[in-house]
C-alpha atoms as a PDB file:
ATOM      1  CA  MET A   1      40.703  18.408  33.423  1.00  0.00           C
ATOM      2  CA  LYS A   2      40.765  21.706  31.403  1.00  0.00           C
ATOM      3  CA  ARG A   3      38.154  22.279  28.841  1.00  0.00           C
ATOM      4  CA  THR A   4      37.870  24.724  26.051  1.00  0.00           C
ATOM      5  CA  THR A   5      34.510  26.279  25.335  1.00  0.00           C
ATOM      6  CA  ILE A   6      33.456  28.298  22.198  1.00  0.00           C
ATOM      7  CA  GLN A   7      30.358  30.248  22.478  1.00  0.00           C
ATOM      8  CA  VAL A   8      28.524  30.229  19.160  1.00  0.00           C
ATOM      9  CA  ALA A   9      27.487  33.797  18.021  1.00  0.00           C
ATOM     10  CA  LEU A  10      23.691  34.011  17.315  1.00  0.00           C
ATOM     11  CA  ALA A  11      23.508  37.255  15.724  1.00  0.00           C
ATOM     12  CA  CYS A  12      23.258  36.035  12.081  1.00  0.00           C
ATOM     13  CA  LEU A  13      20.547  33.457  12.179  1.00  0.00           C
ATOM     14  CA  ALA A  14      19.025  34.501   8.968  1.00  0.00           C
ATOM     15  CA  LEU A  15      21.962  33.458   7.183  1.00  0.00           C
ATOM     16  CA  ALA A  16      26.870  26.119   7.022  1.00  0.00           C
ATOM     17  CA  MET A  17      33.654   6.888   0.104  1.00  0.00           C
ATOM     18  CA  GLY A  18      33.146   3.896  -1.015  1.00  0.00           C
ATOM     19  CA  CYS A  19      30.143   1.507  -0.927  1.00  0.00           C
ATOM     20  CA  GLY A  20      28.116  -0.281   1.981  1.00  0.00           C
ATOM     21  CA  CYS A  21      28.029   0.870   5.483  1.00  0.00           C
ATOM     22  CA  VAL A  22      30.815   3.267   6.375  1.00  0.00           C
ATOM     23  CA  ARG A  23      30.014   2.843   9.987  1.00  0.00           C
ATOM     24  CA  GLU A  24      31.533   5.451  12.326  1.00  0.00           C
ATOM     25  CA  THR A  25      34.651   6.484  10.548  1.00  0.00           C
ATOM     26  CA  VAL A  26      35.847   8.344   7.654  1.00  0.00           C
ATOM     27  CA  SER A  27      39.472   7.985   6.768  1.00  0.00           C
ATOM     28  CA  SER A  28      41.911   8.246   3.703  1.00  0.00           C
ATOM     29  CA  VAL A  29      43.988   5.275   2.648  1.00  0.00           C
ATOM     30  CA  ASN A  30      46.767   4.488   4.884  1.00  0.00           C
ATOM     31  CA  ARG A  31      46.187   7.730   7.031  1.00  0.00           C
ATOM     32  CA  PRO A  32      44.673   8.283  10.419  1.00  0.00           C
ATOM     33  CA  LYS A  33      40.930   8.681  10.794  1.00  0.00           C
ATOM     34  CA  ILE A  34      39.623  12.161  10.037  1.00  0.00           C
ATOM     35  CA  LEU A  35      36.128  11.681  11.604  1.00  0.00           C
ATOM     36  CA  ASP A  36      34.974   9.221  14.211  1.00  0.00           C
ATOM     37  CA  PHE A  37      31.406   8.979  15.277  1.00  0.00           C
ATOM     38  CA  SER A  38      31.645   5.987  17.490  1.00  0.00           C
ATOM     39  CA  ASP A  39      30.901   8.046  20.637  1.00  0.00           C
ATOM     40  CA  SER A  40      27.212   8.744  19.373  1.00  0.00           C
ATOM     41  CA  ILE A  41      26.519   5.692  17.352  1.00  0.00           C
ATOM     42  CA  ALA A  42      25.769   2.426  18.843  1.00  0.00           C
ATOM     43  CA  SER A  43      23.264   0.197  16.888  1.00  0.00           C
ATOM     44  CA  THR A  44      23.117   1.895  13.698  1.00  0.00           C
ATOM     45  CA  GLY A  45      25.301   2.527  11.007  1.00  0.00           C
ATOM     46  CA  LEU A  46      26.261   5.387   8.640  1.00  0.00           C
ATOM     47  CA  TRP A  47      25.326   4.652   4.846  1.00  0.00           C
ATOM     48  CA  PRO A  48      26.120   6.567   1.645  1.00  0.00           C
ATOM     49  CA  VAL A  49      22.623   7.303   0.177  1.00  0.00           C
ATOM     50  CA  GLY A  50      23.323   9.384  -2.859  1.00  0.00           C
ATOM     51  CA  PHE A  51      25.217  12.366  -4.458  1.00  0.00           C
ATOM     52  CA  PRO A  52      22.700  15.375  -4.548  1.00  0.00           C
ATOM     53  CA  HIS A  53      24.161  18.286  -6.204  1.00  0.00           C
ATOM     54  CA  GLY A  54      27.728  16.783  -5.997  1.00  0.00           C
ATOM     55  CA  ILE A  55      28.022  16.143  -2.278  1.00  0.00           C
ATOM     56  CA  ASN A  56      28.359  12.674  -0.758  1.00  0.00           C
ATOM     57  CA  LEU A  57      25.186  12.262   1.476  1.00  0.00           C
ATOM     58  CA  ILE A  58      25.782   9.907   4.381  1.00  0.00           C
ATOM     59  CA  ALA A  59      22.770   9.079   6.749  1.00  0.00           C
ATOM     60  CA  GLU A  60      22.579   7.265  10.036  1.00  0.00           C
ATOM     61  CA  LEU A  61      20.147   4.389   9.576  1.00  0.00           C
ATOM     62  CA  GLY A  62      19.063   1.287  11.480  1.00  0.00           C
ATOM     63  CA  ASP A  63      16.808  -1.544  10.011  1.00  0.00           C
ATOM     64  CA  GLU A  64      13.946  -0.170  11.879  1.00  0.00           C
ATOM     65  CA  ASP A  65      14.023   2.954   9.781  1.00  0.00           C
ATOM     66  CA  LEU A  66      13.603   1.392   6.474  1.00  0.00           C
ATOM     67  CA  THR A  67      11.004  -0.697   4.803  1.00  0.00           C
ATOM     68  CA  ARG A  68      11.970  -4.403   3.858  1.00  0.00           C
ATOM     69  CA  ASN A  69      12.645  -3.390   0.196  1.00  0.00           C
ATOM     70  CA  GLU A  70      14.683  -0.379   1.456  1.00  0.00           C
ATOM     71  CA  ARG A  71      16.752  -2.428   3.657  1.00  0.00           C
ATOM     72  CA  GLU A  72      17.633  -4.985   1.077  1.00  0.00           C
ATOM     73  CA  ARG A  73      18.515  -2.303  -1.395  1.00  0.00           C
ATOM     74  CA  LEU A  74      20.598  -0.634   1.186  1.00  0.00           C
ATOM     75  CA  HIS A  75      22.642  -3.728   2.194  1.00  0.00           C
ATOM     76  CA  ARG A  76      23.354  -4.355  -1.510  1.00  0.00           C
ATOM     77  CA  ASP A  77      24.530  -0.871  -2.101  1.00  0.00           C
ATOM     78  CA  LEU A  78      21.651  -0.100  -4.321  1.00  0.00           C
ATOM     79  CA  TYR A  79      19.641   2.371  -2.191  1.00  0.00           C
ATOM     80  CA  ARG A  80      19.630   5.959  -3.321  1.00  0.00           C
ATOM     81  CA  ALA A  81      17.422   8.632  -2.087  1.00  0.00           C
ATOM     82  CA  GLN A  82      15.393  10.235  -4.916  1.00  0.00           C
ATOM     83  CA  PRO A  83      14.024  13.770  -4.599  1.00  0.00           C
ATOM     84  CA  TYR A  84      10.614  15.189  -5.162  1.00  0.00           C
ATOM     85  CA  ARG A  85       9.635  18.658  -5.950  1.00  0.00           C
ATOM     86  CA  ASP A  86       7.896  20.964  -3.464  1.00  0.00           C
ATOM     87  CA  GLY A  87       7.513  24.198  -5.154  1.00  0.00           C
ATOM     88  CA  ARG A  88      10.962  25.530  -6.117  1.00  0.00           C
ATOM     89  CA  ALA A  89      12.606  23.218  -3.414  1.00  0.00           C
ATOM     90  CA  GLU A  90      13.926  19.644  -3.880  1.00  0.00           C
ATOM     91  CA  VAL A  91      13.174  17.359  -1.034  1.00  0.00           C
ATOM     92  CA  TRP A  92      14.893  13.865  -0.167  1.00  0.00           C
ATOM     93  CA  LYS A  93      13.046  11.700   2.387  1.00  0.00           C
ATOM     94  CA  ILE A  94      15.742   9.031   3.549  1.00  0.00           C
ATOM     95  CA  GLY A  95      13.956   6.190   5.463  1.00  0.00           C
ATOM     96  CA  ARG A  96      11.677   7.392   8.207  1.00  0.00           C
ATOM     97  CA  PRO A  97      14.060   9.635  10.192  1.00  0.00           C
ATOM     98  CA  HIS A  98      15.657  11.994   7.651  1.00  0.00           C
ATOM     99  CA  GLU A  99      14.435  14.843   5.358  1.00  0.00           C
ATOM    100  CA  LEU A 100      16.761  17.029   3.466  1.00  0.00           C
ATOM    101  CA  VAL A 101      15.691  20.025   1.406  1.00  0.00           C
ATOM    102  CA  TYR A 102      17.642  21.980  -1.401  1.00  0.00           C
ATOM    103  CA  SER A 103      16.631  25.471  -2.020  1.00  0.00           C
ATOM    104  CA  ASN A 104      18.229  28.572  -3.167  1.00  0.00           C
ATOM    105  CA  GLY A 105      21.535  26.813  -3.525  1.00  0.00           C
ATOM    106  CA  ARG A 106      21.593  25.457  -0.083  1.00  0.00           C
ATOM    107  CA  PHE A 107      20.798  22.305   1.792  1.00  0.00           C
ATOM    108  CA  GLN A 108      18.580  22.640   4.736  1.00  0.00           C
ATOM    109  CA  VAL A 109      18.357  19.969   7.452  1.00  0.00           C
ATOM    110  CA  GLY A 110      17.344  20.112  11.133  1.00  0.00           C
ATOM    111  CA  GLY A 111      17.156  23.800  11.037  1.00  0.00           C
ATOM    112  CA  PHE A 112      20.939  24.188   9.612  1.00  0.00           C
ATOM    113  CA  ASN A 113      21.957  25.370   6.257  1.00  0.00           C
ATOM    114  CA  TYR A 114      24.903  24.157   4.289  1.00  0.00           C
ATOM    115  CA  THR A 115      26.333  25.453   0.859  1.00  0.00           C
ATOM    116  CA  PRO A 116      27.463  22.445  -1.231  1.00  0.00           C
ATOM    117  CA  ARG A 117      31.187  22.262  -2.170  1.00  0.00           C
ATOM    118  CA  LYS A 118      33.423  19.909  -4.231  1.00  0.00           C
ATOM    119  CA  ARG A 119      34.742  17.087  -2.482  1.00  0.00           C
ATOM    120  CA  SER A 120      32.356  17.393   0.381  1.00  0.00           C
ATOM    121  CA  LYS A 121      30.336  15.110   2.693  1.00  0.00           C
ATOM    122  CA  LEU A 122      27.100  15.816   4.531  1.00  0.00           C
ATOM    123  CA  PHE A 123      26.416  13.468   7.556  1.00  0.00           C
ATOM    124  CA  LEU A 124      22.908  13.342   8.701  1.00  0.00           C
ATOM    125  CA  PHE A 125      22.197  11.689  12.298  1.00  0.00           C
ATOM    126  CA  LYS A 126      18.973  10.524  13.873  1.00  0.00           C
ATOM    127  CA  GLU A 127      17.080  12.687  16.318  1.00  0.00           C
ATOM    128  CA  ARG A 128      18.494  12.513  19.952  1.00  0.00           C
ATOM    129  CA  SER A 129      18.189  14.443  23.126  1.00  0.00           C
ATOM    130  CA  GLY A 130      21.303  15.791  24.773  1.00  0.00           C
ATOM    131  CA  ASP A 131      24.726  16.425  23.764  1.00  0.00           C
ATOM    132  CA  PHE A 132      26.461  14.857  20.609  1.00  0.00           C
ATOM    133  CA  SER A 133      30.059  14.043  20.671  1.00  0.00           C
ATOM    134  CA  PHE A 134      32.654  12.900  17.974  1.00  0.00           C
ATOM    135  CA  ARG A 135      36.171  13.196  17.037  1.00  0.00           C
ATOM    136  CA  PHE A 136      37.878  15.213  14.187  1.00  0.00           C
ATOM    137  CA  HIS A 137      41.510  14.301  13.739  1.00  0.00           C
ATOM    138  CA  ASN A 138      41.484  12.683  17.016  1.00  0.00           C
ATOM    139  CA  GLN A 139      40.275  15.892  18.630  1.00  0.00           C
ATOM    140  CA  LYS A 140      37.074  15.276  20.734  1.00  0.00           C
ATOM    141  CA  ILE A 141      34.195  17.627  19.895  1.00  0.00           C
ATOM    142  CA  ILE A 142      31.142  17.953  22.033  1.00  0.00           C
ATOM    143  CA  VAL A 143      28.207  19.759  20.889  1.00  0.00           C
ATOM    144  CA  LYS A 144      25.985  20.722  23.939  1.00  0.00           C
ATOM    145  CA  ALA A 145      22.292  20.413  23.811  1.00  0.00           C
ATOM    146  CA  GLY A 146      19.478  20.523  26.312  1.00  0.00           C
ATOM    147  CA  ARG A 147      16.741  19.494  23.935  1.00  0.00           C
ATOM    148  CA  SER A 148      15.801  16.936  21.258  1.00  0.00           C
ATOM    149  CA  TRP A 149      17.583  17.630  17.803  1.00  0.00           C
ATOM    150  CA  LYS A 150      18.802  16.193  14.690  1.00  0.00           C
ATOM    151  CA  PRO A 151      22.753  16.690  14.390  1.00  0.00           C
ATOM    152  CA  SER A 152      24.334  17.234  11.013  1.00  0.00           C
ATOM    153  CA  VAL A 153      28.089  17.499  10.054  1.00  0.00           C
ATOM    154  CA  PHE A 154      29.453  19.008   6.793  1.00  0.00           C
ATOM    155  CA  TYR A 155      32.823  18.043   5.876  1.00  0.00           C
ATOM    156  CA  SER A 156      34.795  19.399   2.848  1.00  0.00           C
ATOM    157  CA  THR A 157      38.316  19.928   1.614  1.00  0.00           C
ATOM    158  CA  VAL A 158      39.680  22.977  -0.378  1.00  0.00           C
ATOM    159  CA  GLU A 159      42.921  23.239  -2.730  1.00  0.00           C
ATOM    160  CA  LEU A 160      45.326  25.604  -1.753  1.00  0.00           C
ATOM    161  CA  SER A 161      48.354  26.312  -4.087  1.00  0.00           C
ATOM    162  CA  PRO A 162      51.307  28.421  -3.745  1.00  0.00           C
ATOM    163  CA  GLN A 163      49.764  30.661  -6.325  1.00  0.00           C
ATOM    164  CA  ASN A 164      46.783  31.624  -4.066  1.00  0.00           C
ATOM    165  CA  SER A 165      48.546  31.177  -0.671  1.00  0.00           C
ATOM    166  CA  ASP A 166      48.925  34.993  -0.377  1.00  0.00           C
ATOM    167  CA  PRO A 167      46.300  36.820  -1.933  1.00  0.00           C
ATOM    168  CA  GLY A 168      47.781  40.128  -1.646  1.00  0.00           C
ATOM    169  CA  ALA A 169      51.113  39.116  -3.402  1.00  0.00           C
ATOM    170  CA  GLN A 170      51.518  40.621  -6.846  1.00  0.00           C
ATOM    171  CA  ARG A 171      51.797  37.988  -9.616  1.00  0.00           C
ATOM    172  CA  THR A 172      54.605  38.666 -12.250  1.00  0.00           C
ATOM    173  CA  ARG A 173      54.393  37.318 -15.604  1.00  0.00           C
ATOM    174  CA  PRO A 174      57.473  35.301 -16.783  1.00  0.00           C
ATOM    175  CA  ALA A 175      59.842  37.109 -19.269  1.00  0.00           C
ATOM    176  CA  ARG A 176      59.528  33.939 -21.640  1.00  0.00           C
ATOM    177  CA  ARG A 177      57.540  30.901 -21.950  1.00  0.00           C
ATOM    178  CA  SER A 178      59.131  28.039 -20.013  1.00  0.00           C
ATOM    179  CA  ARG A 179      58.170  24.490 -19.287  1.00  0.00           C
ATOM    180  CA  VAL A 180      54.925  24.259 -17.148  1.00  0.00           C
ATOM    181  CA  ARG A 181      55.905  23.120 -13.746  1.00  0.00           C
ATOM    182  CA  LYS A 182      53.694  21.092 -11.399  1.00  0.00           C
ATOM    183  CA  GLN A 183      52.561  23.310  -8.369  1.00  0.00           C
ATOM    184  CA  THR A 184      52.522  21.745  -4.832  1.00  0.00           C
ATOM    185  CA  ILE A 185      48.594  21.493  -3.769  1.00  0.00           C
ATOM    186  CA  TRP A 186      47.788  21.657  -0.367  1.00  0.00           C
ATOM    187  CA  MET A 187      44.604  20.252   1.055  1.00  0.00           C
ATOM    188  CA  GLY A 188      42.791  22.511   3.580  1.00  0.00           C
ATOM    189  CA  GLU A 189      39.854  21.186   5.551  1.00  0.00           C
ATOM    190  CA  ILE A 190      36.426  22.648   6.553  1.00  0.00           C
ATOM    191  CA  LEU A 191      34.145  21.269   9.133  1.00  0.00           C
ATOM    192  CA  GLN A 192      30.781  22.850   9.624  1.00  0.00           C
ATOM    193  CA  ILE A 193      28.028  22.145  12.329  1.00  0.00           C
ATOM    194  CA  GLY A 194      25.228  24.682  11.890  1.00  0.00           C
ATOM    195  CA  GLN A 195      27.048  28.210  11.988  1.00  0.00           C
ATOM    196  CA  THR A 196      30.026  26.808  13.660  1.00  0.00           C
ATOM    197  CA  VAL A 197      33.027  26.423  11.127  1.00  0.00           C
ATOM    198  CA  ILE A 198      36.275  24.763  12.001  1.00  0.00           C
ATOM    199  CA  ARG A 199      38.969  25.287   9.460  1.00  0.00           C
ATOM    200  CA  ILE A 200      42.441  23.591   9.203  1.00  0.00           C
ATOM    201  CA  ASP A 201      45.064  25.413   7.231  1.00  0.00           C
ATOM    202  CA  PRO A 202      47.990  23.429   6.037  1.00  0.00           C
ATOM    203  CA  ARG A 203      50.114  26.411   5.142  1.00  0.00           C
ATOM    204  CA  HIS A 204      50.658  27.341   8.665  1.00  0.00           C
ATOM    205  CA  GLY A 205      51.445  23.803  10.110  1.00  0.00           C
ATOM    206  CA  GLY A 206      47.759  22.676  10.185  1.00  0.00           C
ATOM    207  CA  SER A 207      46.522  25.473  12.253  1.00  0.00           C
ATOM    208  CA  TRP A 208      43.001  25.447  13.276  1.00  0.00           C
ATOM    209  CA  THR A 209      40.493  28.219  13.633  1.00  0.00           C
ATOM    210  CA  VAL A 210      36.849  28.020  15.215  1.00  0.00           C
ATOM    211  CA  ASN A 211      34.814  30.717  13.729  1.00  0.00           C
ATOM    212  CA  ASP A 212      37.837  32.482  12.470  1.00  0.00           C
ATOM    213  CA  ARG A 213      39.276  32.371  16.186  1.00  0.00           C
ATOM    214  CA  ASN A 214      42.561  30.688  16.532  1.00  0.00           C
ATOM    215  CA  TYR A 215      42.286  27.225  18.390  1.00  0.00           C
ATOM    216  CA  ARG A 216      44.964  24.795  19.520  1.00  0.00           C
ATOM    217  CA  PRO A 217      43.741  21.216  19.522  1.00  0.00           C
ATOM    218  CA  TYR A 218      44.588  18.902  22.149  1.00  0.00           C
ATOM    219  CA  ALA A 219      43.538  15.281  22.004  1.00  0.00           C
ATOM    220  CA  GLU A 220      43.052  14.820  25.885  1.00  0.00           C
ATOM    221  CA  ARG A 221      40.881  18.176  26.106  1.00  0.00           C
ATOM    222  CA  PRO A 222      37.595  18.374  24.589  1.00  0.00           C
ATOM    223  CA  LEU A 223      36.447  21.109  22.460  1.00  0.00           C
ATOM    224  CA  ILE A 224      32.908  22.181  23.638  1.00  0.00           C
ATOM    225  CA  LEU A 225      30.556  24.051  21.304  1.00  0.00           C
ATOM    226  CA  GLU A 226      27.560  25.765  22.876  1.00  0.00           C
ATOM    227  CA  GLY A 227      24.667  27.561  21.375  1.00  0.00           C
ATOM    228  CA  ILE A 228      24.403  25.459  18.230  1.00  0.00           C
ATOM    229  CA  VAL A 229      21.190  23.589  19.062  1.00  0.00           C
ATOM    230  CA  ARG A 230      19.375  26.925  19.453  1.00  0.00           C
ATOM    231  CA  PHE A 231      19.336  27.012  15.540  1.00  0.00           C
ATOM    232  CA  ALA A 232      17.612  23.692  15.267  1.00  0.00           C
ATOM    233  CA  GLU A 233      13.974  24.850  15.724  1.00  0.00           C
END
C-alpha cells in the first residue's frame, strides 16, 4: 500500500455541538462525518466542557478522570471548566488529565499553540504513547510519535465569498444603487495539529493543502505526519 509522508518543518518552534457526550465523531446534520476519532478512543468519550474565548472546547474524559460530583455534572451536561488566574494567563483544569492555558491571545496545550477563531473546536486528548490516528473527511491521518504525549486537534471554518475569492482583483463601485443581492458563501476548513495546518479550499473543488503544499486525499491511503511530537516537550 502506498503511503504519503509529510515531514513537518521544525524551523519555527518559537511561534496552531450539542450537549452530552459527542463520542468520537463530529458531523453536520445530514452530512458525512467531518472528524472521526474512533481509531484512538476506546473506553472514553469526548465531552463539551465549555466555550473559553469563543471556541467549543471538547475533552476526552473517562469516569476515572473525574470526581463523583464532576461525573454527575458531566453526564447531566452541567460540567463547565472554570479558569483561574496564574499571573497574566488563564488556566483551565479539566478533570485529572487536562490543563489548558490562555496567554497572549493563544491557547497552549501539550506544548502546542492555537489561536482562537470563530466557529472553531479544540479537541483535547489524554496522554498516550505512540501514534495517534483519526479520520478527516474519511481521509485517515496518522501522527507518528515515539514517546508519550498529549494530542490536540483544532478545527475551524472560514467564510469565503466571491468578493474576497480573488484578493488581487479590483473592485468596481456600481454606477447606481441597486437592490442588495445575497452573496454565495463558501465554507473553507482548517485543521491544525501543532504546527501542521491542513486547509480545504472549496473554491477549487475542495482542494487540500498540508502546510501550504498541495495534497490529494485518498481514503484508502493514510496521510502520515512526522515530526509533530517533537513540539510536545
